[in-house]
N, C-alpha and C. Protein backbone atom coordinates (compact mmCIF):
# COMPACT_ATOMS: atom_id res chain seq x y z
N UNK A 1 -37.91 -0.89 10.29
CA UNK A 1 -38.56 -0.89 11.77
C UNK A 1 -39.61 -0.16 11.55
N UNK A 2 -40.78 -0.62 11.90
CA UNK A 2 -41.45 0.94 12.20
C UNK A 2 -41.61 1.73 13.36
N UNK A 3 -41.59 2.85 12.96
CA UNK A 3 -41.56 4.19 14.27
C UNK A 3 -42.85 4.03 14.72
N UNK A 4 -42.97 4.60 16.32
CA UNK A 4 -44.18 4.93 16.70
C UNK A 4 -43.76 6.05 17.31
N UNK A 5 -44.96 7.03 17.70
CA UNK A 5 -44.66 8.29 18.63
C UNK A 5 -45.38 7.80 20.06
N UNK A 6 -44.20 7.97 21.05
CA UNK A 6 -44.31 7.15 22.21
C UNK A 6 -45.41 7.49 23.09
N UNK A 7 -45.96 8.59 22.66
CA UNK A 7 -47.23 9.05 23.24
C UNK A 7 -48.96 9.20 22.30
N UNK A 8 -49.14 8.35 21.16
CA UNK A 8 -50.26 7.95 20.40
C UNK A 8 -50.81 7.03 20.80
N UNK A 9 -51.44 6.97 21.57
CA UNK A 9 -51.68 5.44 22.33
C UNK A 9 -52.94 4.47 21.44
N UNK A 10 -53.30 5.23 20.58
CA UNK A 10 -54.40 4.42 19.51
C UNK A 10 -52.83 3.68 18.46
N UNK A 11 -52.15 4.40 18.03
CA UNK A 11 -50.92 3.82 17.22
C UNK A 11 -50.17 2.31 17.88
N UNK A 12 -50.20 2.67 19.25
CA UNK A 12 -48.92 1.89 19.69
C UNK A 12 -50.13 0.43 20.28
N UNK A 13 -51.60 0.34 19.93
CA UNK A 13 -52.30 -0.84 19.98
C UNK A 13 -51.93 -1.70 19.05
N UNK A 14 -51.29 -1.64 17.68
CA UNK A 14 -50.64 -2.15 17.36
C UNK A 14 -49.02 -3.07 17.22
N UNK A 15 -48.88 -2.81 18.46
CA UNK A 15 -47.73 -3.55 18.86
C UNK A 15 -47.87 -4.64 20.04
N UNK A 16 -48.89 -4.03 20.50
CA UNK A 16 -50.04 -5.32 21.56
C UNK A 16 -49.71 -6.43 20.79
N UNK A 17 -49.67 -7.91 21.49
CA UNK A 17 -49.86 -9.11 20.70
C UNK A 17 -50.23 -10.30 22.11
N UNK A 18 -50.85 -10.82 21.32
CA UNK A 18 -51.09 -11.99 22.28
C UNK A 18 -49.83 -13.52 21.80
N UNK A 19 -48.58 -13.02 21.21
CA UNK A 19 -48.11 -13.81 20.32
C UNK A 19 -46.87 -13.39 20.90
N UNK A 20 -45.87 -14.45 20.83
CA UNK A 20 -44.64 -13.78 21.23
C UNK A 20 -43.90 -13.47 19.95
N UNK A 21 -42.50 -13.18 20.00
CA UNK A 21 -41.88 -12.99 18.94
C UNK A 21 -40.75 -13.87 18.71
N UNK A 22 -40.07 -13.99 17.52
CA UNK A 22 -39.15 -15.76 17.73
C UNK A 22 -38.06 -15.38 18.90
N UNK A 23 -37.59 -16.76 19.18
CA UNK A 23 -36.65 -17.04 20.06
C UNK A 23 -35.28 -16.56 19.52
N UNK A 24 -34.77 -15.18 20.61
CA UNK A 24 -33.53 -14.72 20.17
C UNK A 24 -32.27 -15.86 20.33
N UNK A 25 -31.05 -15.20 20.57
CA UNK A 25 -29.90 -16.14 20.06
C UNK A 25 -29.59 -16.88 21.88
N UNK A 26 -29.22 -17.84 21.30
CA UNK A 26 -28.96 -18.80 22.81
C UNK A 26 -27.68 -18.32 23.45
N UNK A 27 -27.92 -18.72 24.97
CA UNK A 27 -26.34 -18.79 25.82
C UNK A 27 -26.07 -19.61 26.49
N UNK A 28 -25.41 -20.44 26.63
CA UNK A 28 -24.91 -21.81 27.27
C UNK A 28 -24.44 -21.18 28.55
N UNK A 29 -25.46 -21.76 29.96
CA UNK A 29 -25.15 -21.74 31.02
C UNK A 29 -23.87 -22.58 31.71
N UNK A 30 -22.66 -21.82 32.05
CA UNK A 30 -21.28 -22.50 32.77
C UNK A 30 -21.58 -22.95 34.15
N UNK A 31 -20.76 -23.66 34.64
CA UNK A 31 -20.48 -23.34 35.74
C UNK A 31 -19.87 -22.13 36.40
N UNK A 32 -18.80 -22.05 35.72
CA UNK A 32 -18.26 -20.57 35.94
C UNK A 32 -19.06 -19.67 36.30
N UNK A 33 -20.28 -19.34 35.36
CA UNK A 33 -20.85 -18.21 35.56
C UNK A 33 -21.85 -18.29 36.65
N UNK A 34 -22.36 -19.51 37.10
CA UNK A 34 -22.85 -20.00 37.87
C UNK A 34 -22.40 -19.40 39.67
N UNK A 35 -21.15 -19.85 39.29
CA UNK A 35 -20.23 -20.01 40.81
C UNK A 35 -19.84 -18.15 40.69
N UNK A 36 -19.68 -17.54 39.56
CA UNK A 36 -19.70 -15.69 39.96
C UNK A 36 -20.65 -15.41 40.58
N UNK A 37 -21.81 -15.96 39.81
CA UNK A 37 -22.92 -15.11 40.41
C UNK A 37 -23.44 -15.76 41.89
N UNK A 38 -22.80 -16.50 42.35
CA UNK A 38 -23.01 -17.48 43.88
C UNK A 38 -21.83 -16.28 44.47
N UNK A 39 -20.58 -15.89 44.14
CA UNK A 39 -20.03 -15.23 44.98
C UNK A 39 -20.59 -13.97 44.88
N UNK A 40 -21.36 -13.17 43.58
CA UNK A 40 -21.76 -11.81 43.93
C UNK A 40 -23.00 -11.97 44.85
N UNK A 41 -23.50 -12.25 44.68
CA UNK A 41 -24.74 -12.70 45.39
C UNK A 41 -24.93 -13.11 46.91
N UNK A 42 -23.78 -13.97 47.07
CA UNK A 42 -23.60 -14.45 48.90
C UNK A 42 -25.02 -15.88 48.48
N UNK A 43 -25.21 -16.54 47.59
CA UNK A 43 -26.12 -17.28 47.48
C UNK A 43 -25.25 -18.52 46.54
N UNK A 44 -24.65 -19.41 48.00
CA UNK A 44 -23.88 -20.40 47.77
C UNK A 44 -24.75 -21.87 48.04
N UNK A 45 -25.70 -21.99 47.93
CA UNK A 45 -26.39 -22.96 47.97
C UNK A 45 -25.75 -23.84 47.11
N UNK A 46 -25.97 -25.23 47.53
CA UNK A 46 -24.60 -26.51 47.25
C UNK A 46 -25.90 -26.81 45.71
N UNK A 47 -26.86 -26.39 45.59
CA UNK A 47 -27.42 -27.16 44.43
C UNK A 47 -26.98 -25.96 43.02
N UNK A 48 -26.91 -24.78 43.42
CA UNK A 48 -26.09 -24.64 42.39
C UNK A 48 -24.41 -24.59 42.44
N UNK A 49 -23.64 -24.87 43.31
CA UNK A 49 -22.31 -24.73 43.48
C UNK A 49 -21.28 -25.61 43.68
N UNK A 50 -22.07 -26.78 44.01
CA UNK A 50 -21.60 -28.33 44.19
C UNK A 50 -21.46 -29.45 43.55
N UNK A 51 -21.20 -29.72 42.31
CA UNK A 51 -21.64 -30.72 41.25
C UNK A 51 -21.43 -31.89 41.56
N UNK A 52 -20.20 -32.10 42.76
CA UNK A 52 -20.13 -33.32 43.36
C UNK A 52 -21.26 -33.99 44.10
N UNK A 53 -21.57 -33.15 44.89
CA UNK A 53 -23.01 -33.25 45.76
C UNK A 53 -24.11 -33.56 45.07
N UNK A 54 -24.25 -32.87 43.74
CA UNK A 54 -25.54 -32.66 42.86
C UNK A 54 -25.48 -34.17 42.32
N UNK A 55 -24.35 -34.76 41.81
CA UNK A 55 -24.25 -35.97 41.28
C UNK A 55 -25.06 -37.13 42.10
N UNK A 56 -25.20 -36.98 43.17
CA UNK A 56 -25.94 -37.80 44.15
C UNK A 56 -27.00 -37.39 44.46
N UNK A 57 -27.33 -36.36 45.08
CA UNK A 57 -28.43 -35.75 46.10
C UNK A 57 -29.36 -34.70 45.32
N UNK A 58 -28.91 -34.18 44.02
CA UNK A 58 -29.91 -33.31 43.52
C UNK A 58 -31.14 -33.97 42.43
N UNK A 59 -31.94 -33.84 43.17
CA UNK A 59 -33.14 -34.51 42.03
C UNK A 59 -32.58 -33.87 40.32
N UNK A 60 -32.22 -33.37 40.06
CA UNK A 60 -31.85 -33.14 39.05
C UNK A 60 -30.38 -33.06 38.00
N UNK A 61 -29.90 -33.77 38.67
CA UNK A 61 -28.65 -34.78 38.31
C UNK A 61 -27.40 -33.92 38.15
N UNK A 62 -27.41 -32.40 38.18
CA UNK A 62 -26.13 -31.77 38.22
C UNK A 62 -26.73 -30.34 39.25
N UNK A 63 -25.67 -29.50 38.69
CA UNK A 63 -26.13 -28.28 39.31
C UNK A 63 -27.07 -27.27 38.33
N UNK A 64 -27.71 -26.19 38.96
CA UNK A 64 -28.76 -25.54 38.32
C UNK A 64 -28.25 -24.01 38.45
N UNK A 65 -28.73 -23.17 37.36
CA UNK A 65 -28.25 -21.92 37.72
C UNK A 65 -29.29 -21.37 38.76
N UNK A 66 -29.34 -19.97 39.56
CA UNK A 66 -29.62 -19.10 40.26
C UNK A 66 -31.33 -18.93 39.30
N UNK A 67 -32.20 -18.77 39.84
CA UNK A 67 -32.91 -18.30 39.23
C UNK A 67 -32.91 -16.50 39.12
N UNK A 68 -32.61 -15.90 39.55
CA UNK A 68 -32.10 -14.57 39.51
C UNK A 68 -30.56 -14.52 38.66
N UNK A 69 -30.15 -15.28 38.46
CA UNK A 69 -28.86 -15.27 37.49
C UNK A 69 -30.10 -15.36 35.90
N UNK A 70 -30.61 -16.18 35.96
CA UNK A 70 -31.25 -15.99 34.75
C UNK A 70 -32.27 -15.21 34.22
N UNK A 71 -32.78 -14.30 35.38
CA UNK A 71 -33.34 -13.15 34.89
C UNK A 71 -32.34 -12.00 34.68
N UNK A 72 -31.43 -11.98 35.27
CA UNK A 72 -30.25 -11.01 35.07
C UNK A 72 -29.71 -10.85 33.62
N UNK A 73 -30.17 -12.42 32.94
CA UNK A 73 -29.00 -13.10 31.69
C UNK A 73 -30.35 -11.99 30.54
N UNK A 74 -31.30 -11.74 30.80
CA UNK A 74 -32.22 -11.08 29.42
C UNK A 74 -31.78 -10.46 28.90
N UNK A 75 -30.99 -9.23 29.18
CA UNK A 75 -30.46 -8.27 28.20
C UNK A 75 -29.69 -8.44 27.33
N UNK A 76 -28.40 -9.87 27.83
CA UNK A 76 -27.90 -10.36 26.97
C UNK A 76 -28.64 -11.31 25.90
N UNK A 77 -29.36 -11.83 26.53
CA UNK A 77 -30.61 -12.37 25.43
C UNK A 77 -31.05 -11.58 25.05
N UNK A 78 -30.92 -10.72 24.63
CA UNK A 78 -31.62 -9.89 24.01
C UNK A 78 -32.93 -9.91 22.84
N UNK A 79 -33.60 -10.04 22.66
CA UNK A 79 -34.80 -10.35 21.84
C UNK A 79 -35.24 -8.54 21.34
N UNK A 80 -34.58 -8.28 19.54
CA UNK A 80 -35.12 -7.23 19.33
C UNK A 80 -36.47 -6.55 19.16
N UNK A 81 -37.28 -5.76 19.27
CA UNK A 81 -38.20 -5.57 18.94
C UNK A 81 -38.40 -5.41 17.49
N UNK A 82 -39.64 -5.44 16.35
CA UNK A 82 -39.63 -5.03 15.29
C UNK A 82 -40.51 -3.75 14.98
N UNK A 83 -40.30 -2.92 16.40
CA UNK A 83 -40.59 -1.47 16.10
C UNK A 83 -40.00 -0.58 17.04
N UNK A 84 -40.06 1.19 17.13
CA UNK A 84 -39.30 1.88 17.70
C UNK A 84 -39.95 2.65 18.43
N UNK A 85 -39.82 3.67 19.46
CA UNK A 85 -40.62 4.38 20.11
C UNK A 85 -39.68 5.85 19.85
N UNK A 86 -40.64 7.21 19.43
CA UNK A 86 -39.81 7.71 19.34
C UNK A 86 -40.58 9.13 20.22
N UNK A 87 -39.88 10.17 20.06
CA UNK A 87 -40.20 11.34 20.70
C UNK A 87 -39.95 11.48 22.38
N UNK A 88 -40.00 10.69 23.20
CA UNK A 88 -39.87 10.59 24.22
C UNK A 88 -38.08 11.24 24.88
N UNK A 89 -38.44 12.32 25.74
CA UNK A 89 -36.87 12.52 26.37
C UNK A 89 -36.32 11.78 27.39
N UNK A 90 -36.94 10.84 27.95
CA UNK A 90 -36.47 9.97 29.07
C UNK A 90 -37.19 8.49 28.82
N UNK A 91 -36.77 7.33 29.14
CA UNK A 91 -37.64 5.83 29.64
C UNK A 91 -36.73 5.44 30.80
N UNK A 92 -37.65 4.86 31.59
CA UNK A 92 -37.25 4.31 32.96
C UNK A 92 -37.83 2.69 32.78
N UNK A 93 -36.95 1.76 33.57
CA UNK A 93 -37.36 0.94 34.15
C UNK A 93 -38.02 0.84 35.26
N UNK A 94 -39.60 0.32 35.03
CA UNK A 94 -40.33 0.96 36.33
C UNK A 94 -40.69 0.20 37.20
N UNK A 95 -40.29 -1.02 36.65
CA UNK A 95 -40.64 -2.18 37.63
C UNK A 95 -41.08 -3.45 36.70
N UNK A 96 -41.67 -4.27 37.87
CA UNK A 96 -42.23 -5.62 37.09
C UNK A 96 -43.49 -5.82 38.04
N UNK A 97 -44.72 -6.54 37.08
CA UNK A 97 -46.22 -7.08 37.61
C UNK A 97 -45.82 -8.53 37.93
N UNK A 98 -44.73 -9.45 37.52
CA UNK A 98 -44.83 -10.90 38.27
C UNK A 98 -43.49 -11.40 37.37
N UNK A 99 -42.92 -12.07 38.23
CA UNK A 99 -41.76 -12.94 37.95
C UNK A 99 -41.64 -14.13 38.70
N UNK A 100 -41.72 -15.33 37.70
CA UNK A 100 -41.71 -16.67 38.18
C UNK A 100 -40.95 -17.72 37.42
N UNK A 101 -40.59 -18.30 38.25
CA UNK A 101 -39.59 -19.11 38.09
C UNK A 101 -40.48 -20.65 37.90
N UNK A 102 -40.71 -21.17 36.79
CA UNK A 102 -41.22 -22.33 36.57
C UNK A 102 -40.66 -23.40 35.81
N UNK A 103 -39.42 -23.34 36.03
CA UNK A 103 -38.30 -24.49 35.34
C UNK A 103 -37.22 -24.16 35.94
N UNK A 104 -36.34 -25.41 35.68
CA UNK A 104 -35.10 -25.40 36.03
C UNK A 104 -33.83 -25.24 34.66
N UNK A 105 -32.96 -24.59 35.30
CA UNK A 105 -31.93 -24.69 34.26
C UNK A 105 -30.77 -24.90 34.51
N UNK A 106 -30.60 -26.10 33.98
CA UNK A 106 -29.21 -27.09 34.27
C UNK A 106 -27.99 -26.21 33.79
N UNK A 107 -27.00 -26.44 34.67
CA UNK A 107 -25.81 -25.88 33.76
C UNK A 107 -25.14 -26.51 33.11
N UNK A 108 -24.91 -26.01 31.72
CA UNK A 108 -24.39 -26.89 30.88
C UNK A 108 -25.27 -26.89 29.96
N UNK A 109 -26.64 -26.23 30.10
CA UNK A 109 -27.60 -26.16 28.64
C UNK A 109 -27.88 -24.81 28.43
N UNK A 110 -27.94 -24.57 26.78
CA UNK A 110 -28.81 -23.46 26.19
C UNK A 110 -30.23 -22.68 26.67
N UNK A 111 -29.94 -21.39 27.32
CA UNK A 111 -31.11 -20.72 26.90
C UNK A 111 -31.35 -19.58 26.02
N UNK A 112 -32.95 -19.55 25.52
CA UNK A 112 -32.81 -18.30 24.95
C UNK A 112 -34.21 -17.71 25.47
N UNK A 113 -34.42 -16.63 24.71
CA UNK A 113 -35.70 -15.28 25.15
C UNK A 113 -36.53 -14.70 23.97
N UNK A 114 -37.74 -15.01 24.67
CA UNK A 114 -38.61 -14.37 23.50
C UNK A 114 -39.60 -13.37 24.47
N UNK A 115 -39.94 -12.41 23.71
CA UNK A 115 -40.79 -11.63 24.41
C UNK A 115 -41.98 -11.04 23.37
N UNK A 116 -43.02 -10.30 24.08
CA UNK A 116 -44.21 -9.79 23.59
C UNK A 116 -44.52 -8.82 24.06
N UNK A 117 -45.51 -7.61 23.78
CA UNK A 117 -45.89 -6.46 24.56
C UNK A 117 -47.08 -6.73 24.74
N UNK A 118 -47.43 -6.88 26.12
CA UNK A 118 -48.99 -7.17 26.74
C UNK A 118 -49.90 -5.94 26.83
N UNK A 119 -49.32 -5.07 26.97
CA UNK A 119 -50.23 -3.80 27.30
C UNK A 119 -49.48 -2.78 26.93
N UNK A 120 -50.02 -1.39 26.74
CA UNK A 120 -49.96 -0.16 26.42
C UNK A 120 -50.57 0.72 26.69
N UNK A 121 -50.82 1.77 27.62
CA UNK A 121 -51.24 2.78 28.36
C UNK A 121 -50.79 4.19 28.80
N UNK A 122 -51.71 5.03 28.88
CA UNK A 122 -51.14 5.95 29.31
C UNK A 122 -51.49 6.74 30.87
N UNK A 123 -50.74 7.46 31.24
CA UNK A 123 -51.25 8.02 32.23
C UNK A 123 -50.65 9.49 32.61
N UNK A 124 -51.25 10.45 33.42
CA UNK A 124 -50.00 11.70 34.01
C UNK A 124 -48.81 11.52 33.74
N UNK A 125 -48.48 10.49 34.09
CA UNK A 125 -46.69 10.39 33.91
C UNK A 125 -45.96 10.07 32.95
N UNK A 126 -46.60 9.62 31.78
CA UNK A 126 -46.15 8.88 30.74
C UNK A 126 -47.19 7.85 29.87
N UNK A 127 -46.28 7.38 29.24
CA UNK A 127 -47.03 6.15 28.29
C UNK A 127 -46.17 5.06 28.96
N UNK A 128 -46.54 4.09 29.24
CA UNK A 128 -46.51 2.61 30.27
C UNK A 128 -46.50 1.46 29.00
N UNK A 129 -45.39 0.62 29.07
CA UNK A 129 -45.21 -0.46 27.94
C UNK A 129 -45.05 -1.78 28.66
N UNK A 130 -45.96 -2.40 28.99
CA UNK A 130 -45.82 -3.70 29.49
C UNK A 130 -45.53 -4.86 28.85
N UNK A 131 -44.14 -5.17 29.05
CA UNK A 131 -43.54 -6.27 28.07
C UNK A 131 -43.44 -7.73 28.66
N UNK A 132 -43.59 -8.92 28.23
CA UNK A 132 -43.84 -10.41 28.99
C UNK A 132 -42.81 -10.80 28.19
N UNK A 133 -41.80 -11.69 28.96
CA UNK A 133 -40.45 -12.07 28.27
C UNK A 133 -40.57 -13.74 29.07
N UNK A 134 -40.03 -14.35 28.74
CA UNK A 134 -39.95 -15.71 28.34
C UNK A 134 -38.52 -15.95 28.33
N UNK A 135 -37.78 -17.29 29.20
CA UNK A 135 -36.35 -17.41 28.91
C UNK A 135 -36.50 -19.22 29.12
N UNK A 136 -36.25 -19.71 28.44
CA UNK A 136 -36.51 -21.38 28.18
C UNK A 136 -35.21 -21.74 27.75
N UNK A 137 -35.14 -23.14 28.22
CA UNK A 137 -33.70 -23.91 28.00
C UNK A 137 -34.49 -24.29 26.58
N UNK A 138 -33.38 -24.28 25.53
CA UNK A 138 -33.09 -24.49 24.47
C UNK A 138 -33.72 -26.25 24.04
N UNK A 139 -34.58 -26.21 23.71
CA UNK A 139 -35.17 -27.59 23.21
C UNK A 139 -36.37 -28.04 24.18
N UNK A 140 -36.62 -27.19 24.86
CA UNK A 140 -37.62 -27.37 25.66
C UNK A 140 -39.30 -26.19 25.35
N UNK A 141 -40.18 -27.19 25.89
CA UNK A 141 -41.58 -25.92 25.18
C UNK A 141 -41.95 -25.37 26.34
N UNK A 142 -41.77 -25.40 27.50
CA UNK A 142 -41.98 -24.73 28.94
C UNK A 142 -40.89 -24.06 29.44
N UNK A 143 -41.31 -22.25 29.50
CA UNK A 143 -40.44 -21.82 29.93
C UNK A 143 -39.67 -21.96 31.27
N UNK A 144 -38.46 -21.55 31.34
CA UNK A 144 -38.05 -21.95 32.75
C UNK A 144 -38.31 -20.32 33.89
N UNK A 145 -38.54 -19.30 32.77
CA UNK A 145 -38.82 -17.87 33.72
C UNK A 145 -39.89 -17.62 33.20
N UNK A 146 -40.94 -16.58 33.56
CA UNK A 146 -41.91 -15.68 33.06
C UNK A 146 -41.95 -14.66 33.89
N UNK A 147 -41.53 -13.35 33.33
CA UNK A 147 -41.46 -12.01 33.71
C UNK A 147 -42.44 -10.94 33.19
N UNK A 148 -42.83 -10.42 33.80
CA UNK A 148 -43.16 -8.76 33.04
C UNK A 148 -42.78 -7.92 33.60
N UNK A 149 -42.26 -7.04 32.57
CA UNK A 149 -41.19 -5.95 32.72
C UNK A 149 -42.38 -4.48 32.20
N UNK A 150 -41.94 -3.26 33.14
CA UNK A 150 -42.84 -2.00 32.81
C UNK A 150 -41.36 -1.07 32.54
N UNK A 151 -42.11 -0.89 31.29
CA UNK A 151 -41.51 0.56 31.15
C UNK A 151 -41.92 1.73 31.42
N UNK A 152 -41.75 2.72 31.25
CA UNK A 152 -42.42 3.88 31.34
C UNK A 152 -41.57 5.28 30.66
N UNK A 153 -42.59 5.57 29.61
CA UNK A 153 -41.71 6.59 28.54
C UNK A 153 -41.93 7.79 28.89
N UNK A 154 -41.31 9.03 28.67
CA UNK A 154 -41.78 10.23 29.71
C UNK A 154 -41.21 11.15 28.23
């Protein structure tokens, strides 16, 4: 694994890419997961939690995962970078630039994720790395989720 000093902006440009890495491991979305998320979040909308009603009323033919459930699974779907940043004291999740739910994730389907480094920049605070991540239902071309996550290295 190639290492980069967190504040070497010129060298870090090597990890910026228009191309995504490989898809990571897959995870099956179960009704139990969706129900647990509904209980925790308070989002009990029938489209997620009522399989019987969804058989007749849902345009998807069954229940679907919450968009935010799909988002919080990103660490579990982890895609391993082929690089490592070194020399920093702290790394912070600084927020996000974009979050789009671009497709549905049917209960029973498998999802996987991939990512790319969209940009690297420096400021007085530290080095900012913007990662674009996608989650897709396995076998589908179009991602169900597109997310830009910002890390700050200090």
